[in-house]
Amino acid sequence: MGKVIWSPAALEDIKDIHDYIAKDSVDRAALFIERLIEVTDGLIEFPYSGRVIPEINQTSCREIVFGAYRIMYDIISDSVRIASVVHSARDWQPK
């Protein structure tokens, strides 16, 4: 597999997550985001390790869960594109 590509929307999501956690602890926020990114690095070797996103039901649209967050991604030829990072309590629907 090639590389992990972060969409602008996903980067905004992790910035918002960081800012929310940082209200209590800047160190915890930084550590959480670092670990979230490390989890996505594993997708380079195992892009099909995530489950198919139930709301979309397409083989190339998958997600992994980290803490309370759904990391949604697309498999595109030799790369993985992180599309969004959504809190699992949110009622997410595809656009």
PDB file of N, CA and C in Angstrom:
ATOM      1  N   MET A   1       0.854  -1.181   0.000  1.00  0.00           N
ATOM      2  CA  MET A   1       0.000   0.000   0.000  1.00  0.00           C
ATOM      3  C   MET A   1       0.888   1.228   0.000  1.00  0.00           C
ATOM      4  N   GLY A   2       0.363   2.312  -0.474  1.00  0.00           N
ATOM      5  CA  GLY A   2       1.119   3.544  -0.615  1.00  0.00           C
ATOM      6  C   GLY A   2       1.221   4.389   0.631  1.00  0.00           C
ATOM      7  N   LYS A   3       0.246   5.258   0.827  1.00  0.00           N
ATOM      8  CA  LYS A   3       0.341   6.208   1.935  1.00  0.00           C
ATOM      9  C   LYS A   3      -1.035   6.549   2.464  1.00  0.00           C
ATOM     10  N   VAL A   4      -1.031   7.219   3.621  1.00  0.00           N
ATOM     11  CA  VAL A   4      -2.264   7.728   4.217  1.00  0.00           C
ATOM     12  C   VAL A   4      -2.350   9.210   3.881  1.00  0.00           C
ATOM     13  N   ILE A   5      -3.470   9.594   3.305  1.00  0.00           N
ATOM     14  CA  ILE A   5      -3.713  10.989   2.928  1.00  0.00           C
ATOM     15  C   ILE A   5      -4.866  11.509   3.793  1.00  0.00           C
ATOM     16  N   TRP A   6      -4.658  12.649   4.428  1.00  0.00           N
ATOM     17  CA  TRP A   6      -5.696  13.252   5.260  1.00  0.00           C
ATOM     18  C   TRP A   6      -6.438  14.314   4.458  1.00  0.00           C
ATOM     19  N   SER A   7      -7.752  14.199   4.388  1.00  0.00           N
ATOM     20  CA  SER A   7      -8.556  15.221   3.712  1.00  0.00           C
ATOM     21  C   SER A   7      -8.569  16.479   4.572  1.00  0.00           C
ATOM     22  N   PRO A   8      -8.810  17.644   3.968  1.00  0.00           N
ATOM     23  CA  PRO A   8      -8.913  18.865   4.766  1.00  0.00           C
ATOM     24  C   PRO A   8      -9.994  18.761   5.845  1.00  0.00           C
ATOM     25  N   ALA A   9     -11.108  18.106   5.537  1.00  0.00           N
ATOM     26  CA  ALA A   9     -12.183  17.962   6.525  1.00  0.00           C
ATOM     27  C   ALA A   9     -11.720  17.118   7.714  1.00  0.00           C
ATOM     28  N   ALA A  10     -10.970  16.042   7.456  1.00  0.00           N
ATOM     29  CA  ALA A  10     -10.475  15.188   8.535  1.00  0.00           C
ATOM     30  C   ALA A  10      -9.454  15.931   9.397  1.00  0.00           C
ATOM     31  N   LEU A  11      -8.619  16.738   8.765  1.00  0.00           N
ATOM     32  CA  LEU A  11      -7.650  17.539   9.533  1.00  0.00           C
ATOM     33  C   LEU A  11      -8.370  18.538  10.426  1.00  0.00           C
ATOM     34  N   GLU A  12      -9.453  19.103   9.933  1.00  0.00           N
ATOM     35  CA  GLU A  12     -10.267  20.029  10.742  1.00  0.00           C
ATOM     36  C   GLU A  12     -10.912  19.262  11.899  1.00  0.00           C
ATOM     37  N   ASP A  13     -11.357  18.040  11.631  1.00  0.00           N
ATOM     38  CA  ASP A  13     -11.945  17.213  12.694  1.00  0.00           C
ATOM     39  C   ASP A  13     -10.950  16.979  13.819  1.00  0.00           C
ATOM     40  N   ILE A  14      -9.708  16.595  13.481  1.00  0.00           N
ATOM     41  CA  ILE A  14      -8.755  16.313  14.556  1.00  0.00           C
ATOM     42  C   ILE A  14      -8.318  17.590  15.274  1.00  0.00           C
ATOM     43  N   LYS A  15      -8.337  18.711  14.574  1.00  0.00           N
ATOM     44  CA  LYS A  15      -8.051  19.987  15.239  1.00  0.00           C
ATOM     45  C   LYS A  15      -9.141  20.287  16.267  1.00  0.00           C
ATOM     46  N   ASP A  16     -10.400  20.078  15.874  1.00  0.00           N
ATOM     47  CA  ASP A  16     -11.522  20.312  16.789  1.00  0.00           C
ATOM     48  C   ASP A  16     -11.472  19.365  17.992  1.00  0.00           C
ATOM     49  N   ILE A  17     -11.121  18.100  17.740  1.00  0.00           N
ATOM     50  CA  ILE A  17     -10.997  17.134  18.826  1.00  0.00           C
ATOM     51  C   ILE A  17      -9.893  17.561  19.784  1.00  0.00           C
ATOM     52  N   HIS A  18      -8.762  17.963  19.226  1.00  0.00           N
ATOM     53  CA  HIS A  18      -7.646  18.441  20.051  1.00  0.00           C
ATOM     54  C   HIS A  18      -8.080  19.621  20.905  1.00  0.00           C
ATOM     55  N   ASP A  19      -8.713  20.599  20.279  1.00  0.00           N
ATOM     56  CA  ASP A  19      -9.125  21.794  21.007  1.00  0.00           C
ATOM     57  C   ASP A  19     -10.109  21.462  22.128  1.00  0.00           C
ATOM     58  N   TYR A  20     -11.002  20.519  21.886  1.00  0.00           N
ATOM     59  CA  TYR A  20     -11.976  20.129  22.901  1.00  0.00           C
ATOM     60  C   TYR A  20     -11.282  19.469  24.100  1.00  0.00           C
ATOM     61  N   ILE A  21     -10.406  18.516  23.828  1.00  0.00           N
ATOM     62  CA  ILE A  21      -9.693  17.822  24.910  1.00  0.00           C
ATOM     63  C   ILE A  21      -8.749  18.780  25.626  1.00  0.00           C
ATOM     64  N   ALA A  22      -8.162  19.707  24.891  1.00  0.00           N
ATOM     65  CA  ALA A  22      -7.196  20.656  25.470  1.00  0.00           C
ATOM     66  C   ALA A  22      -7.826  21.591  26.498  1.00  0.00           C
ATOM     67  N   LYS A  23      -9.143  21.722  26.487  1.00  0.00           N
ATOM     68  CA  LYS A  23      -9.800  22.536  27.513  1.00  0.00           C
ATOM     69  C   LYS A  23      -9.509  21.991  28.900  1.00  0.00           C
ATOM     70  N   ASP A  24      -9.331  20.661  28.979  1.00  0.00           N
ATOM     71  CA  ASP A  24      -8.991  20.024  30.257  1.00  0.00           C
ATOM     72  C   ASP A  24      -7.494  19.806  30.416  1.00  0.00           C
ATOM     73  N   SER A  25      -6.840  19.390  29.307  1.00  0.00           N
ATOM     74  CA  SER A  25      -5.410  19.101  29.392  1.00  0.00           C
ATOM     75  C   SER A  25      -4.773  19.154  28.001  1.00  0.00           C
ATOM     76  N   VAL A  26      -3.861  20.076  27.832  1.00  0.00           N
ATOM     77  CA  VAL A  26      -3.152  20.207  26.555  1.00  0.00           C
ATOM     78  C   VAL A  26      -2.314  18.962  26.286  1.00  0.00           C
ATOM     79  N   ASP A  27      -1.686  18.434  27.326  1.00  0.00           N
ATOM     80  CA  ASP A  27      -0.854  17.236  27.163  1.00  0.00           C
ATOM     81  C   ASP A  27      -1.686  16.028  26.738  1.00  0.00           C
ATOM     82  N   ARG A  28      -2.841  15.841  27.383  1.00  0.00           N
ATOM     83  CA  ARG A  28      -3.719  14.724  27.007  1.00  0.00           C
ATOM     84  C   ARG A  28      -4.231  14.883  25.587  1.00  0.00           C
ATOM     85  N   ALA A  29      -4.525  16.098  25.198  1.00  0.00           N
ATOM     86  CA  ALA A  29      -5.009  16.352  23.836  1.00  0.00           C
ATOM     87  C   ALA A  29      -3.941  15.966  22.811  1.00  0.00           C
ATOM     88  N   ALA A  30      -2.724  16.391  23.052  1.00  0.00           N
ATOM     89  CA  ALA A  30      -1.626  16.084  22.132  1.00  0.00           C
ATOM     90  C   ALA A  30      -1.386  14.582  22.054  1.00  0.00           C
ATOM     91  N   LEU A  31      -1.406  13.908  23.196  1.00  0.00           N
ATOM     92  CA  LEU A  31      -1.189  12.464  23.230  1.00  0.00           C
ATOM     93  C   LEU A  31      -2.316  11.725  22.505  1.00  0.00           C
ATOM     94  N   PHE A  32      -3.557  12.159  22.708  1.00  0.00           N
ATOM     95  CA  PHE A  32      -4.693  11.509  22.051  1.00  0.00           C
ATOM     96  C   PHE A  32      -4.575  11.618  20.536  1.00  0.00           C
ATOM     97  N   ILE A  33      -4.263  12.796  20.041  1.00  0.00           N
ATOM     98  CA  ILE A  33      -4.133  12.999  18.596  1.00  0.00           C
ATOM     99  C   ILE A  33      -2.947  12.208  18.051  1.00  0.00           C
ATOM    100  N   GLU A  34      -1.855  12.179  18.777  1.00  0.00           N
ATOM    101  CA  GLU A  34      -0.690  11.396  18.346  1.00  0.00           C
ATOM    102  C   GLU A  34      -1.060   9.916  18.199  1.00  0.00           C
ATOM    103  N   ARG A  35      -1.771   9.382  19.174  1.00  0.00           N
ATOM    104  CA  ARG A  35      -2.172   7.975  19.119  1.00  0.00           C
ATOM    105  C   ARG A  35      -3.199   7.721  18.018  1.00  0.00           C
ATOM    106  N   LEU A  36      -4.107   8.658  17.811  1.00  0.00           N
ATOM    107  CA  LEU A  36      -5.087   8.523  16.734  1.00  0.00           C
ATOM    108  C   LEU A  36      -4.380   8.429  15.389  1.00  0.00           C
ATOM    109  N   ILE A  37      -3.395   9.270  15.175  1.00  0.00           N
ATOM    110  CA  ILE A  37      -2.642   9.252  13.917  1.00  0.00           C
ATOM    111  C   ILE A  37      -1.845   7.952  13.791  1.00  0.00           C
ATOM    112  N   GLU A  38      -1.264   7.468  14.888  1.00  0.00           N
ATOM    113  CA  GLU A  38      -0.528   6.202  14.854  1.00  0.00           C
ATOM    114  C   GLU A  38      -1.433   5.049  14.426  1.00  0.00           C
ATOM    115  N   VAL A  39      -2.670   5.056  14.887  1.00  0.00           N
ATOM    116  CA  VAL A  39      -3.619   4.005  14.509  1.00  0.00           C
ATOM    117  C   VAL A  39      -3.844   4.018  12.999  1.00  0.00           C
ATOM    118  N   THR A  40      -3.940   5.195  12.419  1.00  0.00           N
ATOM    119  CA  THR A  40      -4.186   5.276  10.971  1.00  0.00           C
ATOM    120  C   THR A  40      -2.956   4.854  10.172  1.00  0.00           C
ATOM    121  N   ASP A  41      -1.773   4.981  10.741  1.00  0.00           N
ATOM    122  CA  ASP A  41      -0.557   4.552  10.034  1.00  0.00           C
ATOM    123  C   ASP A  41      -0.592   3.058   9.718  1.00  0.00           C
ATOM    124  N   GLY A  42      -1.273   2.279  10.548  1.00  0.00           N
ATOM    125  CA  GLY A  42      -1.400   0.850  10.307  1.00  0.00           C
ATOM    126  C   GLY A  42      -2.198   0.517   9.056  1.00  0.00           C
ATOM    127  N   LEU A  43      -2.965   1.476   8.569  1.00  0.00           N
ATOM    128  CA  LEU A  43      -3.772   1.255   7.367  1.00  0.00           C
ATOM    129  C   LEU A  43      -2.913   1.139   6.110  1.00  0.00           C
ATOM    130  N   ILE A  44      -1.678   1.614   6.174  1.00  0.00           N
ATOM    131  CA  ILE A  44      -0.776   1.490   5.025  1.00  0.00           C
ATOM    132  C   ILE A  44      -0.566   0.004   4.709  1.00  0.00           C
ATOM    133  N   GLU A  45      -0.343  -0.792   5.739  1.00  0.00           N
ATOM    134  CA  GLU A  45      -0.101  -2.221   5.556  1.00  0.00           C
ATOM    135  C   GLU A  45      -1.397  -3.032   5.473  1.00  0.00           C
ATOM    136  N   PHE A  46      -2.428  -2.594   6.206  1.00  0.00           N
ATOM    137  CA  PHE A  46      -3.667  -3.367   6.301  1.00  0.00           C
ATOM    138  C   PHE A  46      -4.886  -2.484   6.021  1.00  0.00           C
ATOM    139  N   PRO A  47      -5.058  -2.034   4.796  1.00  0.00           N
ATOM    140  CA  PRO A  47      -6.150  -1.103   4.490  1.00  0.00           C
ATOM    141  C   PRO A  47      -7.548  -1.699   4.686  1.00  0.00           C
ATOM    142  N   TYR A  48      -7.675  -3.014   4.591  1.00  0.00           N
ATOM    143  CA  TYR A  48      -8.982  -3.648   4.755  1.00  0.00           C
ATOM    144  C   TYR A  48      -9.250  -4.097   6.190  1.00  0.00           C
ATOM    145  N   SER A  49      -8.424  -3.635   7.127  1.00  0.00           N
ATOM    146  CA  SER A  49      -8.600  -4.039   8.519  1.00  0.00           C
ATOM    147  C   SER A  49      -9.821  -3.386   9.163  1.00  0.00           C
ATOM    148  N   GLY A  50     -10.241  -2.253   8.657  1.00  0.00           N
ATOM    149  CA  GLY A  50     -11.431  -1.596   9.184  1.00  0.00           C
ATOM    150  C   GLY A  50     -12.695  -2.236   8.633  1.00  0.00           C
ATOM    151  N   ARG A  51     -13.793  -2.008   9.328  1.00  0.00           N
ATOM    152  CA  ARG A  51     -15.057  -2.561   8.847  1.00  0.00           C
ATOM    153  C   ARG A  51     -15.664  -1.648   7.795  1.00  0.00           C
ATOM    154  N   VAL A  52     -16.518  -2.204   6.973  1.00  0.00           N
ATOM    155  CA  VAL A  52     -17.250  -1.406   5.984  1.00  0.00           C
ATOM    156  C   VAL A  52     -18.178  -0.471   6.755  1.00  0.00           C
ATOM    157  N   ILE A  53     -18.229   0.787   6.369  1.00  0.00           N
ATOM    158  CA  ILE A  53     -19.098   1.763   7.033  1.00  0.00           C
ATOM    159  C   ILE A  53     -20.546   1.359   6.762  1.00  0.00           C
ATOM    160  N   PRO A  54     -21.309   1.033   7.814  1.00  0.00           N
ATOM    161  CA  PRO A  54     -22.670   0.525   7.613  1.00  0.00           C
ATOM    162  C   PRO A  54     -23.578   1.479   6.827  1.00  0.00           C
ATOM    163  N   GLU A  55     -23.440   2.769   7.066  1.00  0.00           N
ATOM    164  CA  GLU A  55     -24.312   3.746   6.403  1.00  0.00           C
ATOM    165  C   GLU A  55     -24.032   3.867   4.907  1.00  0.00           C
ATOM    166  N   ILE A  56     -22.860   3.405   4.471  1.00  0.00           N
ATOM    167  CA  ILE A  56     -22.480   3.529   3.056  1.00  0.00           C
ATOM    168  C   ILE A  56     -22.525   2.167   2.360  1.00  0.00           C
ATOM    169  N   ASN A  57     -22.046   1.129   3.052  1.00  0.00           N
ATOM    170  CA  ASN A  57     -22.055  -0.243   2.555  1.00  0.00           C
ATOM    171  C   ASN A  57     -21.343  -0.422   1.212  1.00  0.00           C
ATOM    172  N   GLN A  58     -20.144   0.161   1.116  1.00  0.00           N
ATOM    173  CA  GLN A  58     -19.279  -0.035  -0.050  1.00  0.00           C
ATOM    174  C   GLN A  58     -17.938  -0.557   0.457  1.00  0.00           C
ATOM    175  N   THR A  59     -17.387  -1.535  -0.233  1.00  0.00           N
ATOM    176  CA  THR A  59     -16.156  -2.193   0.203  1.00  0.00           C
ATOM    177  C   THR A  59     -14.992  -1.225   0.377  1.00  0.00           C
ATOM    178  N   SER A  60     -14.925  -0.187  -0.423  1.00  0.00           N
ATOM    179  CA  SER A  60     -13.795   0.741  -0.353  1.00  0.00           C
ATOM    180  C   SER A  60     -13.971   1.821   0.714  1.00  0.00           C
ATOM    181  N   CYS A  61     -15.143   1.920   1.312  1.00  0.00           N
ATOM    182  CA  CYS A  61     -15.410   2.922   2.361  1.00  0.00           C
ATOM    183  C   CYS A  61     -15.442   2.209   3.707  1.00  0.00           C
ATOM    184  N   ARG A  62     -14.428   2.444   4.517  1.00  0.00           N
ATOM    185  CA  ARG A  62     -14.256   1.703   5.764  1.00  0.00           C
ATOM    186  C   ARG A  62     -14.033   2.633   6.946  1.00  0.00           C
ATOM    187  N   GLU A  63     -14.025   2.037   8.118  1.00  0.00           N
ATOM    188  CA  GLU A  63     -13.769   2.806   9.338  1.00  0.00           C
ATOM    189  C   GLU A  63     -13.069   1.942  10.366  1.00  0.00           C
ATOM    190  N   ILE A  64     -12.276   2.620  11.182  1.00  0.00           N
ATOM    191  CA  ILE A  64     -11.720   1.995  12.374  1.00  0.00           C
ATOM    192  C   ILE A  64     -12.184   2.852  13.542  1.00  0.00           C
ATOM    193  N   VAL A  65     -12.288   2.238  14.695  1.00  0.00           N
ATOM    194  CA  VAL A  65     -12.743   2.954  15.879  1.00  0.00           C
ATOM    195  C   VAL A  65     -11.555   3.158  16.799  1.00  0.00           C
ATOM    196  N   PHE A  66     -11.410   4.395  17.250  1.00  0.00           N
ATOM    197  CA  PHE A  66     -10.361   4.733  18.212  1.00  0.00           C
ATOM    198  C   PHE A  66     -11.029   5.513  19.339  1.00  0.00           C
ATOM    199  N   GLY A  67     -11.050   4.928  20.523  1.00  0.00           N
ATOM    200  CA  GLY A  67     -11.759   5.563  21.629  1.00  0.00           C
ATOM    201  C   GLY A  67     -13.223   5.692  21.256  1.00  0.00           C
ATOM    202  N   ALA A  68     -13.746   6.893  21.360  1.00  0.00           N
ATOM    203  CA  ALA A  68     -15.142   7.152  21.016  1.00  0.00           C
ATOM    204  C   ALA A  68     -15.287   7.711  19.602  1.00  0.00           C
ATOM    205  N   TYR A  69     -14.245   7.573  18.787  1.00  0.00           N
ATOM    206  CA  TYR A  69     -14.253   8.188  17.460  1.00  0.00           C
ATOM    207  C   TYR A  69     -14.219   7.151  16.341  1.00  0.00           C
ATOM    208  N   ARG A  70     -14.974   7.447  15.312  1.00  0.00           N
ATOM    209  CA  ARG A  70     -14.982   6.652  14.090  1.00  0.00           C
ATOM    210  C   ARG A  70     -14.058   7.354  13.094  1.00  0.00           C
ATOM    211  N   ILE A  71     -13.018   6.669  12.679  1.00  0.00           N
ATOM    212  CA  ILE A  71     -12.098   7.217  11.680  1.00  0.00           C
ATOM    213  C   ILE A  71     -12.511   6.614  10.343  1.00  0.00           C
ATOM    214  N   MET A  72     -13.126   7.424   9.504  1.00  0.00           N
ATOM    215  CA  MET A  72     -13.682   6.950   8.238  1.00  0.00           C
ATOM    216  C   MET A  72     -12.695   7.206   7.110  1.00  0.00           C
ATOM    217  N   TYR A  73     -12.522   6.184   6.267  1.00  0.00           N
ATOM    218  CA  TYR A  73     -11.536   6.317   5.198  1.00  0.00           C
ATOM    219  C   TYR A  73     -11.979   5.598   3.935  1.00  0.00           C
ATOM    220  N   ASP A  74     -11.368   6.004   2.836  1.00  0.00           N
ATOM    221  CA  ASP A  74     -11.594   5.404   1.528  1.00  0.00           C
ATOM    222  C   ASP A  74     -10.301   4.757   1.077  1.00  0.00           C
ATOM    223  N   ILE A  75     -10.417   3.605   0.446  1.00  0.00           N
ATOM    224  CA  ILE A  75      -9.257   2.962  -0.158  1.00  0.00           C
ATOM    225  C   ILE A  75      -9.266   3.379  -1.626  1.00  0.00           C
ATOM    226  N   ILE A  76      -8.200   4.079  -2.019  1.00  0.00           N
ATOM    227  CA  ILE A  76      -8.101   4.603  -3.381  1.00  0.00           C
ATOM    228  C   ILE A  76      -6.807   4.079  -3.987  1.00  0.00           C
ATOM    229  N   SER A  77      -6.912   3.183  -4.923  1.00  0.00           N
ATOM    230  CA  SER A  77      -5.788   2.496  -5.572  1.00  0.00           C
ATOM    231  C   SER A  77      -4.746   2.068  -4.544  1.00  0.00           C
ATOM    232  N   ASP A  78      -3.612   2.745  -4.472  1.00  0.00           N
ATOM    233  CA  ASP A  78      -2.553   2.321  -3.550  1.00  0.00           C
ATOM    234  C   ASP A  78      -2.464   3.191  -2.304  1.00  0.00           C
ATOM    235  N   SER A  79      -3.507   3.967  -2.009  1.00  0.00           N
ATOM    236  CA  SER A  79      -3.492   4.864  -0.856  1.00  0.00           C
ATOM    237  C   SER A  79      -4.771   4.745  -0.036  1.00  0.00           C
ATOM    238  N   VAL A  80      -4.717   5.283   1.160  1.00  0.00           N
ATOM    239  CA  VAL A  80      -5.881   5.377   2.033  1.00  0.00           C
ATOM    240  C   VAL A  80      -6.106   6.858   2.289  1.00  0.00           C
ATOM    241  N   ARG A  81      -7.344   7.312   2.064  1.00  0.00           N
ATOM    242  CA  ARG A  81      -7.677   8.719   2.308  1.00  0.00           C
ATOM    243  C   ARG A  81      -8.609   8.796   3.506  1.00  0.00           C
ATOM    244  N   ILE A  82      -8.127   9.450   4.563  1.00  0.00           N
ATOM    245  CA  ILE A  82      -8.956   9.653   5.745  1.00  0.00           C
ATOM    246  C   ILE A  82      -9.952  10.756   5.398  1.00  0.00           C
ATOM    247  N   ALA A  83     -11.233  10.398   5.425  1.00  0.00           N
ATOM    248  CA  ALA A  83     -12.281  11.339   5.020  1.00  0.00           C
ATOM    249  C   ALA A  83     -12.793  12.168   6.189  1.00  0.00           C
ATOM    250  N   SER A  84     -12.967  11.517   7.354  1.00  0.00           N
ATOM    251  CA  SER A  84     -13.461  12.250   8.518  1.00  0.00           C
ATOM    252  C   SER A  84     -13.219  11.463   9.796  1.00  0.00           C
ATOM    253  N   VAL A  85     -13.267  12.176  10.898  1.00  0.00           N
ATOM    254  CA  VAL A  85     -13.149  11.587  12.224  1.00  0.00           C
ATOM    255  C   VAL A  85     -14.357  12.095  13.007  1.00  0.00           C
ATOM    256  N   VAL A  86     -15.256  11.168  13.357  1.00  0.00           N
ATOM    257  CA  VAL A  86     -16.559  11.543  13.910  1.00  0.00           C
ATOM    258  C   VAL A  86     -16.758  10.870  15.264  1.00  0.00           C
ATOM    259  N   HIS A  87     -17.261  11.635  16.233  1.00  0.00           N
ATOM    260  CA  HIS A  87     -17.580  11.046  17.534  1.00  0.00           C
ATOM    261  C   HIS A  87     -18.702  10.033  17.340  1.00  0.00           C
ATOM    262  N   SER A  88     -18.568   8.875  17.960  1.00  0.00           N
ATOM    263  CA  SER A  88     -19.536   7.794  17.740  1.00  0.00           C
ATOM    264  C   SER A  88     -20.926   8.112  18.279  1.00  0.00           C
ATOM    265  N   ALA A  89     -21.043   9.069  19.177  1.00  0.00           N
ATOM    266  CA  ALA A  89     -22.361   9.448  19.694  1.00  0.00           C
ATOM    267  C   ALA A  89     -23.134  10.308  18.697  1.00  0.00           C
ATOM    268  N   ARG A  90     -22.430  10.815  17.718  1.00  0.00           N
ATOM    269  CA  ARG A  90     -23.062  11.666  16.708  1.00  0.00           C
ATOM    270  C   ARG A  90     -23.867  10.819  15.734  1.00  0.00           C
ATOM    271  N   ASP A  91     -25.014  11.297  15.330  1.00  0.00           N
ATOM    272  CA  ASP A  91     -25.827  10.604  14.333  1.00  0.00           C
ATOM    273  C   ASP A  91     -25.322  11.003  12.956  1.00  0.00           C
ATOM    274  N   TRP A  92     -24.316  10.284  12.489  1.00  0.00           N
ATOM    275  CA  TRP A  92     -23.670  10.627  11.222  1.00  0.00           C
ATOM    276  C   TRP A  92     -24.416  10.016  10.053  1.00  0.00           C
ATOM    277  N   GLN A  93     -24.580  10.792   8.980  1.00  0.00           N
ATOM    278  CA  GLN A  93     -25.183  10.310   7.750  1.00  0.00           C
ATOM    279  C   GLN A  93     -24.308  10.766   6.588  1.00  0.00           C
ATOM    280  N   PRO A  94     -24.134   9.913   5.570  1.00  0.00           N
ATOM    281  CA  PRO A  94     -23.312  10.320   4.420  1.00  0.00           C
ATOM    282  C   PRO A  94     -23.950  11.463   3.667  1.00  0.00           C
ATOM    283  N   LYS A  95     -23.101  12.278   3.068  1.00  0.00           N
ATOM    284  CA  LYS A  95     -23.611  13.428   2.290  1.00  0.00           C
ATOM    285  C   LYS A  95     -23.820  13.038   0.860  1.00  0.00           C
TER     286      LYS A  95
END
